[in-house]
PDB file of N, CA and C in Angstrom:
ATOM      1  N   MET A   1     113.129  96.331 115.770  1.00  0.00           N
ATOM      2  CA  MET A   1     113.214  96.499 114.339  1.00  0.00           C
ATOM      3  C   MET A   1     112.399  95.387 113.698  1.00  0.00           C
ATOM      4  N   LYS A   2     111.214  95.707 113.212  1.00  0.00           N
ATOM      5  CA  LYS A   2     110.355  94.719 112.571  1.00  0.00           C
ATOM      6  C   LYS A   2     110.432  94.931 111.067  1.00  0.00           C
ATOM      7  N   LEU A   3     110.867  93.935 110.373  1.00  0.00           N
ATOM      8  CA  LEU A   3     110.971  94.021 108.932  1.00  0.00           C
ATOM      9  C   LEU A   3     109.850  93.224 108.299  1.00  0.00           C
ATOM     10  N   ALA A   4     109.498  93.567 107.057  1.00  0.00           N
ATOM     11  CA  ALA A   4     108.357  92.950 106.383  1.00  0.00           C
ATOM     12  C   ALA A   4     108.527  91.450 106.205  1.00  0.00           C
ATOM     13  N   SER A   5     109.756  90.968 106.135  1.00  0.00           N
ATOM     14  CA  SER A   5     109.949  89.540 105.939  1.00  0.00           C
ATOM     15  C   SER A   5     109.899  88.771 107.258  1.00  0.00           C
ATOM     16  N   ALA A   6     109.745  89.497 108.349  1.00  0.00           N
ATOM     17  CA  ALA A   6     109.669  88.844 109.655  1.00  0.00           C
ATOM     18  C   ALA A   6     108.349  88.099 109.767  1.00  0.00           C
ATOM     19  N   PRO A   7     108.260  87.145 110.684  1.00  0.00           N
ATOM     20  CA  PRO A   7     107.003  86.429 110.863  1.00  0.00           C
ATOM     21  C   PRO A   7     105.865  87.413 111.090  1.00  0.00           C
ATOM     22  N   GLY A   8     104.771  87.162 110.426  1.00  0.00           N
ATOM     23  CA  GLY A   8     103.626  88.056 110.531  1.00  0.00           C
ATOM     24  C   GLY A   8     103.611  89.092 109.430  1.00  0.00           C
ATOM     25  N   GLY A   9     104.719  89.228 108.689  1.00  0.00           N
ATOM     26  CA  GLY A   9     104.785  90.178 107.584  1.00  0.00           C
ATOM     27  C   GLY A   9     104.134  89.580 106.362  1.00  0.00           C
ATOM     28  N   SER A  10     104.123  90.341 105.279  1.00  0.00           N
ATOM     29  CA  SER A  10     103.504  89.823 104.061  1.00  0.00           C
ATOM     30  C   SER A  10     104.329  88.654 103.526  1.00  0.00           C
ATOM     31  N   GLN A  11     103.672  87.700 102.899  1.00  0.00           N
ATOM     32  CA  GLN A  11     104.341  86.488 102.435  1.00  0.00           C
ATOM     33  C   GLN A  11     104.312  86.336 100.916  1.00  0.00           C
ATOM     34  N   GLY A  12     103.830  87.336 100.198  1.00  0.00           N
ATOM     35  CA  GLY A  12     103.715  87.245  98.748  1.00  0.00           C
ATOM     36  C   GLY A  12     105.056  87.371  98.053  1.00  0.00           C
ATOM     37  N   PRO A  13     105.034  87.364  96.724  1.00  0.00           N
ATOM     38  CA  PRO A  13     106.278  87.446  95.953  1.00  0.00           C
ATOM     39  C   PRO A  13     107.017  88.770  96.150  1.00  0.00           C
ATOM     40  N   LEU A  14     106.325  89.794  96.644  1.00  0.00           N
ATOM     41  CA  LEU A  14     106.973  91.090  96.861  1.00  0.00           C
ATOM     42  C   LEU A  14     107.541  91.239  98.272  1.00  0.00           C
ATOM     43  N   ALA A  15     107.297  90.249  99.139  1.00  0.00           N
ATOM     44  CA  ALA A  15     107.742  90.335 100.529  1.00  0.00           C
ATOM     45  C   ALA A  15     109.237  90.620 100.672  1.00  0.00           C
ATOM     46  N   PRO A  16     110.113  89.957  99.916  1.00  0.00           N
ATOM     47  CA  PRO A  16     111.553  90.262 100.079  1.00  0.00           C
ATOM     48  C   PRO A  16     111.893  91.696  99.681  1.00  0.00           C
ATOM     49  N   TYR A  17     111.175  92.236  98.709  1.00  0.00           N
ATOM     50  CA  TYR A  17     111.425  93.602  98.247  1.00  0.00           C
ATOM     51  C   TYR A  17     110.869  94.615  99.241  1.00  0.00           C
ATOM     52  N   GLU A  18     109.754  94.267  99.860  1.00  0.00           N
ATOM     53  CA  GLU A  18     109.207  95.116 100.920  1.00  0.00           C
ATOM     54  C   GLU A  18     110.154  95.144 102.111  1.00  0.00           C
ATOM     55  N   ALA A  19     110.763  94.014 102.420  1.00  0.00           N
ATOM     56  CA  ALA A  19     111.725  93.941 103.524  1.00  0.00           C
ATOM     57  C   ALA A  19     112.958  94.789 103.223  1.00  0.00           C
ATOM     58  N   ILE A  20     113.432  94.736 101.993  1.00  0.00           N
ATOM     59  CA  ILE A  20     114.580  95.562 101.582  1.00  0.00           C
ATOM     60  C   ILE A  20     114.226  97.042 101.707  1.00  0.00           C
ATOM     61  N   LEU A  21     113.042  97.409 101.255  1.00  0.00           N
ATOM     62  CA  LEU A  21     112.601  98.801 101.335  1.00  0.00           C
ATOM     63  C   LEU A  21     112.511  99.257 102.784  1.00  0.00           C
ATOM     64  N   GLU A  22     111.925  98.452 103.627  1.00  0.00           N
ATOM     65  CA  GLU A  22     111.801  98.808 105.044  1.00  0.00           C
ATOM     66  C   GLU A  22     113.187  98.939 105.685  1.00  0.00           C
ATOM     67  N   HIS A  23     114.080  98.049 105.303  1.00  0.00           N
ATOM     68  CA  HIS A  23     115.449  98.111 105.830  1.00  0.00           C
ATOM     69  C   HIS A  23     116.132  99.402 105.363  1.00  0.00           C
ATOM     70  N   ALA A  24     115.953  99.767 104.107  1.00  0.00           N
ATOM     71  CA  ALA A  24     116.546 100.993 103.572  1.00  0.00           C
ATOM     72  C   ALA A  24     115.994 102.222 104.303  1.00  0.00           C
ATOM     73  N   GLU A  25     114.708 102.200 104.641  1.00  0.00           N
ATOM     74  CA  GLU A  25     114.110 103.302 105.399  1.00  0.00           C
ATOM     75  C   GLU A  25     114.750 103.413 106.780  1.00  0.00           C
ATOM     76  N   LEU A  26     114.964 102.281 107.421  1.00  0.00           N
ATOM     77  CA  LEU A  26     115.598 102.272 108.733  1.00  0.00           C
ATOM     78  C   LEU A  26     117.034 102.778 108.648  1.00  0.00           C
ATOM     79  N   GLU A  27     117.749 102.353 107.623  1.00  0.00           N
ATOM     80  CA  GLU A  27     119.128 102.828 107.433  1.00  0.00           C
ATOM     81  C   GLU A  27     119.167 104.341 107.274  1.00  0.00           C
ATOM     82  N   LEU A  28     118.251 104.891 106.489  1.00  0.00           N
ATOM     83  CA  LEU A  28     118.220 106.335 106.279  1.00  0.00           C
ATOM     84  C   LEU A  28     117.930 107.058 107.593  1.00  0.00           C
ATOM     85  N   GLU A  29     117.004 106.531 108.355  1.00  0.00           N
ATOM     86  CA  GLU A  29     116.683 107.138 109.647  1.00  0.00           C
ATOM     87  C   GLU A  29     117.911 107.140 110.563  1.00  0.00           C
ATOM     88  N   LEU A  30     118.596 106.022 110.636  1.00  0.00           N
ATOM     89  CA  LEU A  30     119.777 105.920 111.492  1.00  0.00           C
ATOM     90  C   LEU A  30     120.909 106.813 110.990  1.00  0.00           C
ATOM     91  N   ALA A  31     121.093 106.859 109.684  1.00  0.00           N
ATOM     92  CA  ALA A  31     122.144 107.715 109.116  1.00  0.00           C
ATOM     93  C   ALA A  31     121.849 109.181 109.416  1.00  0.00           C
ATOM     94  N   GLY A  32     120.587 109.567 109.293  1.00  0.00           N
ATOM     95  CA  GLY A  32     120.194 110.946 109.583  1.00  0.00           C
ATOM     96  C   GLY A  32     120.422 111.318 111.038  1.00  0.00           C
ATOM     97  N   GLN A  33     120.350 110.339 111.922  1.00  0.00           N
ATOM     98  CA  GLN A  33     120.575 110.567 113.353  1.00  0.00           C
ATOM     99  C   GLN A  33     122.034 110.384 113.742  1.00  0.00           C
ATOM    100  N   GLY A  34     122.869 109.993 112.785  1.00  0.00           N
ATOM    101  CA  GLY A  34     124.285 109.785 113.078  1.00  0.00           C
ATOM    102  C   GLY A  34     124.552 108.525 113.874  1.00  0.00           C
ATOM    103  N   GLU A  35     123.663 107.565 113.806  1.00  0.00           N
ATOM    104  CA  GLU A  35     123.790 106.312 114.557  1.00  0.00           C
ATOM    105  C   GLU A  35     124.634 105.301 113.770  1.00  0.00           C
ATOM    106  N   VAL A  36     125.912 105.581 113.644  1.00  0.00           N
ATOM    107  CA  VAL A  36     126.809 104.772 112.827  1.00  0.00           C
ATOM    108  C   VAL A  36     126.944 103.350 113.366  1.00  0.00           C
ATOM    109  N   GLU A  37     127.043 103.200 114.665  1.00  0.00           N
ATOM    110  CA  GLU A  37     127.188 101.857 115.243  1.00  0.00           C
ATOM    111  C   GLU A  37     125.961 101.000 114.959  1.00  0.00           C
ATOM    112  N   SER A  38     124.787 101.602 115.022  1.00  0.00           N
ATOM    113  CA  SER A  38     123.560 100.857 114.710  1.00  0.00           C
ATOM    114  C   SER A  38     123.534 100.463 113.234  1.00  0.00           C
ATOM    115  N   LEU A  39     124.023 101.347 112.377  1.00  0.00           N
ATOM    116  CA  LEU A  39     124.100 101.027 110.946  1.00  0.00           C
ATOM    117  C   LEU A  39     125.030  99.856 110.694  1.00  0.00           C
ATOM    118  N   ILE A  40     126.149  99.852 111.368  1.00  0.00           N
ATOM    119  CA  ILE A  40     127.109  98.758 111.209  1.00  0.00           C
ATOM    120  C   ILE A  40     126.463  97.437 111.628  1.00  0.00           C
ATOM    121  N   ALA A  41     125.691  97.498 112.705  1.00  0.00           N
ATOM    122  CA  ALA A  41     125.021  96.287 113.185  1.00  0.00           C
ATOM    123  C   ALA A  41     123.990  95.772 112.175  1.00  0.00           C
ATOM    124  N   LEU A  42     123.459  96.648 111.341  1.00  0.00           N
ATOM    125  CA  LEU A  42     122.455  96.251 110.349  1.00  0.00           C
ATOM    126  C   LEU A  42     123.061  95.679 109.060  1.00  0.00           C
ATOM    127  N   ALA A  43     124.341  95.830 108.880  1.00  0.00           N
ATOM    128  CA  ALA A  43     124.964  95.416 107.620  1.00  0.00           C
ATOM    129  C   ALA A  43     124.715  93.946 107.306  1.00  0.00           C
ATOM    130  N   ALA A  44     124.827  93.107 108.293  1.00  0.00           N
ATOM    131  CA  ALA A  44     124.618  91.674 108.064  1.00  0.00           C
ATOM    132  C   ALA A  44     123.181  91.399 107.639  1.00  0.00           C
ATOM    133  N   ARG A  45     122.242  92.132 108.213  1.00  0.00           N
ATOM    134  CA  ARG A  45     120.830  91.943 107.846  1.00  0.00           C
ATOM    135  C   ARG A  45     120.607  92.341 106.391  1.00  0.00           C
ATOM    136  N   TRP A  46     121.251  93.417 105.937  1.00  0.00           N
ATOM    137  CA  TRP A  46     121.124  93.839 104.534  1.00  0.00           C
ATOM    138  C   TRP A  46     121.617  92.729 103.609  1.00  0.00           C
ATOM    139  N   GLU A  47     122.773  92.175 103.951  1.00  0.00           N
ATOM    140  CA  GLU A  47     123.338  91.091 103.140  1.00  0.00           C
ATOM    141  C   GLU A  47     122.391  89.893 103.111  1.00  0.00           C
ATOM    142  N   GLU A  48     121.805  89.594 104.247  1.00  0.00           N
ATOM    143  CA  GLU A  48     120.866  88.476 104.341  1.00  0.00           C
ATOM    144  C   GLU A  48     119.630  88.727 103.464  1.00  0.00           C
ATOM    145  N   LEU A  49     119.099  89.937 103.533  1.00  0.00           N
ATOM    146  CA  LEU A  49     117.923  90.277 102.721  1.00  0.00           C
ATOM    147  C   LEU A  49     118.256  90.252 101.232  1.00  0.00           C
ATOM    148  N   ALA A  50     119.411  90.789 100.869  1.00  0.00           N
ATOM    149  CA  ALA A  50     119.813  90.816  99.465  1.00  0.00           C
ATOM    150  C   ALA A  50     120.040  89.404  98.934  1.00  0.00           C
ATOM    151  N   ALA A  51     120.610  88.541  99.753  1.00  0.00           N
ATOM    152  CA  ALA A  51     120.860  87.158  99.328  1.00  0.00           C
ATOM    153  C   ALA A  51     119.558  86.386  99.113  1.00  0.00           C
ATOM    154  N   ALA A  52     118.500  86.788  99.795  1.00  0.00           N
ATOM    155  CA  ALA A  52     117.214  86.095  99.682  1.00  0.00           C
ATOM    156  C   ALA A  52     116.428  86.500  98.433  1.00  0.00           C
ATOM    157  N   LEU A  53     116.895  87.529  97.745  1.00  0.00           N
ATOM    158  CA  LEU A  53     116.175  87.984  96.551  1.00  0.00           C
ATOM    159  C   LEU A  53     116.367  87.001  95.400  1.00  0.00           C
ATOM    160  N   PRO A  54     115.316  86.788  94.623  1.00  0.00           N
ATOM    161  CA  PRO A  54     115.477  85.928  93.452  1.00  0.00           C
ATOM    162  C   PRO A  54     116.381  86.608  92.413  1.00  0.00           C
ATOM    163  N   GLU A  55     116.962  85.798  91.538  1.00  0.00           N
ATOM    164  CA  GLU A  55     117.869  86.343  90.524  1.00  0.00           C
ATOM    165  C   GLU A  55     117.158  87.349  89.619  1.00  0.00           C
ATOM    166  N   ARG A  56     115.924  87.040  89.266  1.00  0.00           N
ATOM    167  CA  ARG A  56     115.135  87.943  88.422  1.00  0.00           C
ATOM    168  C   ARG A  56     113.923  88.430  89.212  1.00  0.00           C
ATOM    169  N   PRO A  57     113.880  89.729  89.489  1.00  0.00           N
ATOM    170  CA  PRO A  57     112.742  90.241  90.253  1.00  0.00           C
ATOM    171  C   PRO A  57     111.474  90.275  89.404  1.00  0.00           C
ATOM    172  N   PRO A  58     110.321  90.125  90.037  1.00  0.00           N
ATOM    173  CA  PRO A  58     109.075  90.258  89.290  1.00  0.00           C
ATOM    174  C   PRO A  58     108.894  91.718  88.867  1.00  0.00           C
ATOM    175  N   ALA A  59     108.193  91.919  87.776  1.00  0.00           N
ATOM    176  CA  ALA A  59     107.970  93.279  87.277  1.00  0.00           C
ATOM    177  C   ALA A  59     107.296  94.155  88.321  1.00  0.00           C
ATOM    178  N   ALA A  60     106.445  93.565  89.133  1.00  0.00           N
ATOM    179  CA  ALA A  60     105.730  94.325  90.157  1.00  0.00           C
ATOM    180  C   ALA A  60     106.661  94.878  91.230  1.00  0.00           C
ATOM    181  N   ALA A  61     107.874  94.371  91.316  1.00  0.00           N
ATOM    182  CA  ALA A  61     108.824  94.824  92.339  1.00  0.00           C
ATOM    183  C   ALA A  61     109.623  96.046  91.901  1.00  0.00           C
ATOM    184  N   ALA A  62     109.470  96.468  90.667  1.00  0.00           N
ATOM    185  CA  ALA A  62     110.288  97.563  90.126  1.00  0.00           C
ATOM    186  C   ALA A  62     110.201  98.828  90.973  1.00  0.00           C
ATOM    187  N   ALA A  63     108.999  99.215  91.356  1.00  0.00           N
ATOM    188  CA  ALA A  63     108.836 100.442  92.138  1.00  0.00           C
ATOM    189  C   ALA A  63     109.488 100.301  93.515  1.00  0.00           C
ATOM    190  N   LEU A  64     109.347  99.131  94.129  1.00  0.00           N
ATOM    191  CA  LEU A  64     109.967  98.900  95.441  1.00  0.00           C
ATOM    192  C   LEU A  64     111.486  98.942  95.346  1.00  0.00           C
ATOM    193  N   ILE A  65     112.011  98.337  94.299  1.00  0.00           N
ATOM    194  CA  ILE A  65     113.467  98.310  94.100  1.00  0.00           C
ATOM    195  C   ILE A  65     113.993  99.721  93.882  1.00  0.00           C
ATOM    196  N   GLU A  66     113.302 100.497  93.066  1.00  0.00           N
ATOM    197  CA  GLU A  66     113.749 101.863  92.776  1.00  0.00           C
ATOM    198  C   GLU A  66     113.696 102.728  94.042  1.00  0.00           C
ATOM    199  N   ARG A  67     112.637 102.588  94.795  1.00  0.00           N
ATOM    200  CA  ARG A  67     112.522 103.374  96.039  1.00  0.00           C
ATOM    201  C   ARG A  67     113.621 102.972  97.029  1.00  0.00           C
ATOM    202  N   ALA A  68     113.890 101.702  97.159  1.00  0.00           N
ATOM    203  CA  ALA A  68     114.953 101.238  98.056  1.00  0.00           C
ATOM    204  C   ALA A  68     116.314 101.757  97.578  1.00  0.00           C
ATOM    205  N   ARG A  69     116.523 101.758  96.271  1.00  0.00           N
ATOM    206  CA  ARG A  69     117.783 102.277  95.723  1.00  0.00           C
ATOM    207  C   ARG A  69     117.955 103.754  96.057  1.00  0.00           C
ATOM    208  N   LEU A  70     116.879 104.526  95.899  1.00  0.00           N
ATOM    209  CA  LEU A  70     116.950 105.956  96.199  1.00  0.00           C
ATOM    210  C   LEU A  70     117.179 106.204  97.693  1.00  0.00           C
ATOM    211  N   LEU A  71     116.515 105.434  98.539  1.00  0.00           N
ATOM    212  CA  LEU A  71     116.730 105.574  99.977  1.00  0.00           C
ATOM    213  C   LEU A  71     118.164 105.207 100.355  1.00  0.00           C
ATOM    214  N   HIS A  72     118.673 104.172  99.720  1.00  0.00           N
ATOM    215  CA  HIS A  72     120.050 103.748  99.978  1.00  0.00           C
ATOM    216  C   HIS A  72     121.026 104.858  99.574  1.00  0.00           C
ATOM    217  N   GLU A  73     120.764 105.509  98.470  1.00  0.00           N
ATOM    218  CA  GLU A  73     121.607 106.623  98.012  1.00  0.00           C
ATOM    219  C   GLU A  73     121.521 107.798  98.990  1.00  0.00           C
ATOM    220  N   ARG A  74     120.328 108.089  99.474  1.00  0.00           N
ATOM    221  CA  ARG A  74     120.174 109.163 100.462  1.00  0.00           C
ATOM    222  C   ARG A  74     120.938 108.832 101.742  1.00  0.00           C
ATOM    223  N   SER A  75     120.937 107.576 102.138  1.00  0.00           N
ATOM    224  CA  SER A  75     121.708 107.159 103.322  1.00  0.00           C
ATOM    225  C   SER A  75     123.191 107.390 103.091  1.00  0.00           C
ATOM    226  N   ARG A  76     123.649 107.060 101.896  1.00  0.00           N
ATOM    227  CA  ARG A  76     125.060 107.273 101.560  1.00  0.00           C
ATOM    228  C   ARG A  76     125.414 108.763 101.658  1.00  0.00           C
ATOM    229  N   ILE A  77     124.517 109.617 101.165  1.00  0.00           N
ATOM    230  CA  ILE A  77     124.748 111.059 101.227  1.00  0.00           C
ATOM    231  C   ILE A  77     124.764 111.538 102.672  1.00  0.00           C
ATOM    232  N   GLU A  78     123.861 111.025 103.500  1.00  0.00           N
ATOM    233  CA  GLU A  78     123.848 111.390 104.926  1.00  0.00           C
ATOM    234  C   GLU A  78     125.162 110.993 105.590  1.00  0.00           C
ATOM    235  N   LEU A  79     125.663 109.827 105.246  1.00  0.00           N
ATOM    236  CA  LEU A  79     126.930 109.377 105.831  1.00  0.00           C
ATOM    237  C   LEU A  79     128.097 110.235 105.357  1.00  0.00           C
ATOM    238  N   LEU A  80     128.059 110.679 104.103  1.00  0.00           N
ATOM    239  CA  LEU A  80     129.095 111.582 103.608  1.00  0.00           C
ATOM    240  C   LEU A  80     129.044 112.914 104.355  1.00  0.00           C
ATOM    241  N   ARG A  81     127.839 113.406 104.602  1.00  0.00           N
ATOM    242  CA  ARG A  81     127.691 114.651 105.372  1.00  0.00           C
ATOM    243  C   ARG A  81     128.240 114.472 106.787  1.00  0.00           C
ATOM    244  N   LEU A  82     127.923 113.354 107.389  1.00  0.00           N
ATOM    245  CA  LEU A  82     128.421 113.076 108.730  1.00  0.00           C
ATOM    246  C   LEU A  82     129.947 113.018 108.735  1.00  0.00           C
ATOM    247  N   ARG A  83     130.510 112.337 107.742  1.00  0.00           N
ATOM    248  CA  ARG A  83     131.975 112.248 107.644  1.00  0.00           C
ATOM    249  C   ARG A  83     132.587 113.632 107.486  1.00  0.00           C
ATOM    250  N   ASP A  84     131.992 114.465 106.620  1.00  0.00           N
ATOM    251  CA  ASP A  84     132.517 115.811 106.415  1.00  0.00           C
ATOM    252  C   ASP A  84     132.446 116.649 107.692  1.00  0.00           C
ATOM    253  N   ALA A  85     131.345 116.501 108.439  1.00  0.00           N
ATOM    254  CA  ALA A  85     131.212 117.236 109.697  1.00  0.00           C
ATOM    255  C   ALA A  85     132.273 116.786 110.701  1.00  0.00           C
ATOM    256  N   LEU A  86     132.512 115.479 110.773  1.00  0.00           N
ATOM    257  CA  LEU A  86     133.532 114.970 111.686  1.00  0.00           C
ATOM    258  C   LEU A  86     134.926 115.448 111.285  1.00  0.00           C
ATOM    259  N   LEU A  87     135.219 115.427 109.989  1.00  0.00           N
ATOM    260  CA  LEU A  87     136.522 115.900 109.526  1.00  0.00           C
ATOM    261  C   LEU A  87     136.696 117.388 109.819  1.00  0.00           C
ATOM    262  N   SER A  88     135.623 118.155 109.669  1.00  0.00           N
ATOM    263  CA  SER A  88     135.678 119.581 109.973  1.00  0.00           C
ATOM    264  C   SER A  88     135.950 119.799 111.464  1.00  0.00           C
ATOM    265  N   GLN A  89     135.284 119.023 112.309  1.00  0.00           N
ATOM    266  CA  GLN A  89     135.517 119.140 113.752  1.00  0.00           C
ATOM    267  C   GLN A  89     136.955 118.754 114.109  1.00  0.00           C
ATOM    268  N   LEU A  90     137.473 117.725 113.462  1.00  0.00           N
ATOM    269  CA  LEU A  90     138.862 117.333 113.720  1.00  0.00           C
ATOM    270  C   LEU A  90     139.829 118.437 113.300  1.00  0.00           C
ATOM    271  N   ALA A  91     139.559 119.060 112.158  1.00  0.00           N
ATOM    272  CA  ALA A  91     140.426 120.138 111.689  1.00  0.00           C
ATOM    273  C   ALA A  91     140.371 121.324 112.648  1.00  0.00           C
ATOM    274  N   THR A  92     139.182 121.647 113.135  1.00  0.00           N
ATOM    275  CA  THR A  92     139.041 122.750 114.086  1.00  0.00           C
ATOM    276  C   THR A  92     139.776 122.442 115.381  1.00  0.00           C
ATOM    277  N   THR A  93     139.660 121.223 115.854  1.00  0.00           N
ATOM    278  CA  THR A  93     140.349 120.814 117.073  1.00  0.00           C
ATOM    279  C   THR A  93     141.864 120.877 116.889  1.00  0.00           C
ATOM    280  N   ALA A  94     142.343 120.409 115.759  1.00  0.00           N
ATOM    281  CA  ALA A  94     143.786 120.439 115.490  1.00  0.00           C
ATOM    282  C   ALA A  94     144.284 121.881 115.417  1.00  0.00           C
ATOM    283  N   ARG A  95     143.510 122.746 114.784  1.00  0.00           N
ATOM    284  CA  ARG A  95     143.897 124.147 114.670  1.00  0.00           C
ATOM    285  C   ARG A  95     143.924 124.798 116.056  1.00  0.00           C
ATOM    286  N   ALA A  96     142.923 124.498 116.882  1.00  0.00           N
ATOM    287  CA  ALA A  96     142.879 125.057 118.239  1.00  0.00           C
ATOM    288  C   ALA A  96     144.062 124.559 119.062  1.00  0.00           C
ATOM    289  N   ARG A  97     144.420 123.291 118.897  1.00  0.00           N
ATOM    290  CA  ARG A  97     145.561 122.737 119.627  1.00  0.00           C
ATOM    291  C   ARG A  97     146.857 123.436 119.200  1.00  0.00           C
ATOM    292  N   ARG A  98     147.026 123.625 117.900  1.00  0.00           N
ATOM    293  CA  ARG A  98     148.252 124.311 117.422  1.00  0.00           C
ATOM    294  C   ARG A  98     148.303 125.744 117.941  1.00  0.00           C
ATOM    295  N   THR A  99     147.156 126.408 117.962  1.00  0.00           N
ATOM    296  CA  THR A  99     147.107 127.779 118.465  1.00  0.00           C
ATOM    297  C   THR A  99     147.483 127.815 119.937  1.00  0.00           C
ATOM    298  N   ALA A 100     146.907 126.913 120.709  1.00  0.00           N
ATOM    299  CA  ALA A 100     147.201 126.867 122.146  1.00  0.00           C
ATOM    300  C   ALA A 100     148.679 126.568 122.375  1.00  0.00           C
ATOM    301  N   GLU A 101     149.235 125.655 121.592  1.00  0.00           N
ATOM    302  CA  GLU A 101     150.658 125.334 121.744  1.00  0.00           C
ATOM    303  C   GLU A 101     151.517 126.536 121.380  1.00  0.00           C
ATOM    304  N   GLY A 102     151.080 127.301 120.392  1.00  0.00           N
ATOM    305  CA  GLY A 102     151.822 128.500 120.009  1.00  0.00           C
ATOM    306  C   GLY A 102     151.824 129.534 121.116  1.00  0.00           C
ATOM    307  N   TYR A 103     150.676 129.741 121.721  1.00  0.00           N
ATOM    308  CA  TYR A 103     150.602 130.680 122.829  1.00  0.00           C
ATOM    309  C   TYR A 103     151.380 130.166 124.035  1.00  0.00           C
ATOM    310  N   ALA A 104     151.347 128.883 124.278  1.00  0.00           N
ATOM    311  CA  ALA A 104     152.066 128.312 125.417  1.00  0.00           C
ATOM    312  C   ALA A 104     153.565 128.532 125.263  1.00  0.00           C
ATOM    313  N   GLY A 105     154.060 128.520 124.046  1.00  0.00           N
ATOM    314  CA  GLY A 105     155.484 128.743 123.813  1.00  0.00           C
ATOM    315  C   GLY A 105     155.894 130.176 124.078  1.00  0.00           C
ATOM    316  N   GLN A 106     154.945 131.102 124.117  1.00  0.00           N
ATOM    317  CA  GLN A 106     155.247 132.510 124.336  1.00  0.00           C
ATOM    318  C   GLN A 106     155.152 132.915 125.806  1.00  0.00           C
ATOM    319  N   LEU A 107     154.664 132.029 126.640  1.00  0.00           N
ATOM    320  CA  LEU A 107     154.539 132.351 128.064  1.00  0.00           C
ATOM    321  C   LEU A 107     155.926 132.414 128.706  1.00  0.00           C
ATOM    322  N   PRO A 108     156.094 133.368 129.619  1.00  0.00           N
ATOM    323  CA  PRO A 108     157.391 133.424 130.316  1.00  0.00           C
ATOM    324  C   PRO A 108     157.541 132.188 131.198  1.00  0.00           C
ATOM    325  N   ARG A 109     158.745 131.734 131.287  1.00  0.00           N
ATOM    326  CA  ARG A 109     159.003 130.549 132.106  1.00  0.00           C
ATOM    327  C   ARG A 109     158.889 130.924 133.581  1.00  0.00           C
ATOM    328  N   ARG A 110     158.217 130.052 134.302  1.00  0.00           N
ATOM    329  CA  ARG A 110     158.102 130.248 135.750  1.00  0.00           C
ATOM    330  C   ARG A 110     159.212 129.440 136.422  1.00  0.00           C
ATOM    331  N   PRO A 111     159.700 129.968 137.502  1.00  0.00           N
ATOM    332  CA  PRO A 111     160.743 129.187 138.210  1.00  0.00           C
ATOM    333  C   PRO A 111     160.149 127.894 138.742  1.00  0.00           C
ATOM    334  N   ARG A 112     160.940 126.876 138.720  1.00  0.00           N
ATOM    335  CA  ARG A 112     160.517 125.584 139.245  1.00  0.00           C
ATOM    336  C   ARG A 112     160.607 125.610 140.763  1.00  0.00           C
ATOM    337  N   LEU A 113     159.730 124.879 141.373  1.00  0.00           N
ATOM    338  CA  LEU A 113     159.788 124.773 142.832  1.00  0.00           C
ATOM    339  C   LEU A 113     160.932 123.866 143.227  1.00  0.00           C
ATOM    340  N   ASP A 114     161.547 124.208 144.299  1.00  0.00           N
ATOM    341  CA  ASP A 114     162.596 123.368 144.812  1.00  0.00           C
ATOM    342  C   ASP A 114     161.937 122.257 145.610  1.00  0.00           C
ATOM    343  N   ARG A 115     162.004 121.047 145.092  1.00  0.00           N
ATOM    344  CA  ARG A 115     161.318 119.920 145.730  1.00  0.00           C
ATOM    345  C   ARG A 115     162.099 119.437 146.958  1.00  0.00           C
ATOM    346  N   ASN A 116     163.294 119.895 147.146  1.00  0.00           N
ATOM    347  CA  ASN A 116     164.091 119.471 148.295  1.00  0.00           C
ATOM    348  C   ASN A 116     163.791 120.319 149.521  1.00  0.00           C
ATOM    349  N   ALA A 117     163.054 121.367 149.365  1.00  0.00           N
ATOM    350  CA  ALA A 117     162.812 122.286 150.491  1.00  0.00           C
ATOM    351  C   ALA A 117     161.859 121.715 151.493  1.00  0.00           C
TER     352      ALA A 117
END
């Protein structure tokens, strides 16, 4: 994972904003792939990048900030979709389990084996 603020990246006043944008792109890619554990591992890096931003961004950073914001929102939507898919799978599994238990209750009882024989 090479970010723009890494050594060798751009060093101008927009470098921290380019790093945020690149990080947001990576987050969206991981969210789209369902790589939740990798996203969790990136959280500290996001905080680090955000903390490095100046209090007042330069006007030239506006487009980078807006693009990063939109990518971040898309990542949030991808994660919501993933959550909904997981909840749907859990509901289907629970329904299948209840159905199986219902059918199991209707099976005739089989005699137990005599373990003393």
